[in-house]
Amino acid sequence: MAAAAALAVLWGRRIADLVEERPWLSAEEAAERLGCPPVTHRRALIAAHSEQRIGGVRLYVLGVVQELAGAGMTEPGRPDGVERSSGASAAVIRLAPGQEAAAVV
């Protein structure tokens, strides 16, 4: 079952990438164009929607990092991120030495 879930995630990433490149396509149309096997179709579409959501969150978090870096509170760069099985996402932004906390989650 783990292999099937991993395969669905890979298909989902490909679907999300194609929708990003061609925004006029729906996720379902992208799955069909890529030849996503019907057996993984549903899981792949769920994974694709998750990838799209993560992409939007990632842009927001990178904006926060830039603002904090501009204020001298952190170094510019990519934060660590994780998505929980519940669908919740979290990002860790490590703060510069001398701040009251080591990181912002």
Protein backbone atom coordinates (compact mmCIF):
# COMPACT_ATOMS: atom_id res chain seq x y z
CA MET A 1 0.00 0.00 0.00
CA ALA A 2 2.92 2.38 0.65
CA ALA A 3 4.05 2.02 -2.97
CA ALA A 4 0.58 2.92 -4.24
CA ALA A 5 0.49 6.01 -2.02
CA ALA A 6 3.95 7.09 -3.17
CA LEU A 7 2.95 6.61 -6.79
CA ALA A 8 -0.15 8.75 -6.27
CA VAL A 9 2.02 11.51 -4.77
CA LEU A 10 4.35 11.41 -7.78
CA TRP A 11 1.41 11.58 -10.19
CA GLY A 12 -0.03 14.41 -8.09
CA ARG A 13 3.19 16.42 -8.39
CA ARG A 14 3.23 15.93 -12.16
CA ILE A 15 -0.42 16.97 -12.39
CA ALA A 16 0.19 20.08 -10.23
CA ASP A 17 3.23 21.01 -12.35
CA LEU A 18 1.22 20.72 -15.57
CA VAL A 19 -1.64 22.81 -14.15
CA GLU A 20 0.90 25.44 -13.07
CA GLU A 21 2.37 25.50 -16.60
CA ARG A 22 -1.07 25.51 -18.26
CA PRO A 23 -3.51 27.18 -15.83
CA TRP A 24 -6.44 26.74 -18.21
CA LEU A 25 -6.36 22.99 -17.52
CA SER A 26 -8.27 21.46 -14.64
CA ALA A 27 -6.48 18.87 -12.51
CA GLU A 28 -8.69 16.20 -14.05
CA GLU A 29 -7.75 17.27 -17.58
CA ALA A 30 -4.06 17.33 -16.66
CA ALA A 31 -4.32 13.80 -15.25
CA GLU A 32 -5.88 12.59 -18.49
CA ARG A 33 -3.25 14.34 -20.65
CA LEU A 34 -0.45 12.80 -18.60
CA GLY A 35 -1.99 9.33 -18.92
CA CYS A 36 -2.48 8.87 -15.20
CA PRO A 37 -3.73 5.30 -14.71
CA PRO A 38 -7.39 5.15 -13.63
CA VAL A 39 -6.48 3.04 -10.60
CA THR A 40 -4.44 5.94 -9.14
CA HIS A 41 -6.58 8.75 -10.54
CA ARG A 42 -8.48 9.66 -7.35
CA ARG A 43 -5.43 9.57 -5.07
CA ALA A 44 -3.32 11.44 -7.63
CA LEU A 45 -5.92 14.24 -7.84
CA ILE A 46 -5.96 14.54 -4.04
CA ALA A 47 -2.16 14.72 -4.08
CA ALA A 48 -2.25 17.32 -6.87
CA HIS A 49 -4.61 19.56 -4.89
CA SER A 50 -2.31 19.18 -1.89
CA GLU A 51 0.72 20.20 -3.99
CA GLN A 52 -1.14 23.26 -5.26
CA ARG A 53 -2.10 24.26 -1.71
CA ILE A 54 1.47 23.79 -0.50
CA GLY A 55 2.73 25.96 -3.37
CA GLY A 56 0.54 28.84 -2.24
CA VAL A 57 1.61 28.47 1.38
CA ARG A 58 5.27 28.26 0.34
CA LEU A 59 5.03 31.65 -1.41
CA TYR A 60 3.49 33.20 1.70
CA VAL A 61 6.15 31.74 4.01
CA LEU A 62 8.96 32.88 1.71
CA GLY A 63 7.50 36.39 1.91
CA VAL A 64 7.59 36.18 5.71
CA VAL A 65 11.24 35.05 5.57
CA GLN A 66 12.10 38.02 3.34
CA GLU A 67 10.42 40.45 5.73
CA LEU A 68 12.19 38.95 8.75
CA ALA A 69 15.52 38.99 6.90
CA GLY A 70 14.95 42.63 5.97
CA ALA A 71 14.48 43.39 9.67
CA GLY A 72 17.69 41.51 10.51
CA MET A 73 15.84 38.79 12.43
CA THR A 74 16.79 35.84 10.20
CA GLU A 75 19.04 34.90 7.31
CA PRO A 76 17.49 34.84 3.84
CA GLY A 77 16.75 31.33 2.65
CA ARG A 78 14.21 28.56 2.52
CA PRO A 79 12.40 27.53 5.69
CA ASP A 80 11.94 23.89 6.62
CA GLY A 81 8.41 22.70 5.95
CA VAL A 82 6.25 19.67 6.58
CA GLU A 83 2.72 18.61 5.73
CA ARG A 84 0.95 16.41 8.24
CA SER A 85 -1.28 13.50 7.24
CA SER A 86 -4.18 15.56 8.58
CA GLY A 87 -3.54 18.10 5.81
CA ALA A 88 -2.09 20.73 8.15
CA SER A 89 1.14 22.39 7.07
CA ALA A 90 3.92 23.82 9.21
CA ALA A 91 7.06 25.80 8.43
CA VAL A 92 10.07 26.46 10.66
CA ILE A 93 11.91 29.74 10.18
CA ARG A 94 15.19 29.75 12.10
CA LEU A 95 15.88 33.14 13.65
CA ALA A 96 19.25 34.87 13.85
CA PRO A 97 21.31 34.55 17.05
CA GLY A 98 20.34 37.09 19.68
CA GLN A 99 16.59 36.82 19.13
CA GLU A 100 14.28 35.85 22.01
CA ALA A 101 13.45 32.54 20.31
CA ALA A 102 15.46 30.16 18.15
CA ALA A 103 12.74 29.77 15.52
CA VAL A 104 9.23 30.68 14.42
CA VAL A 105 6.82 27.86 13.52
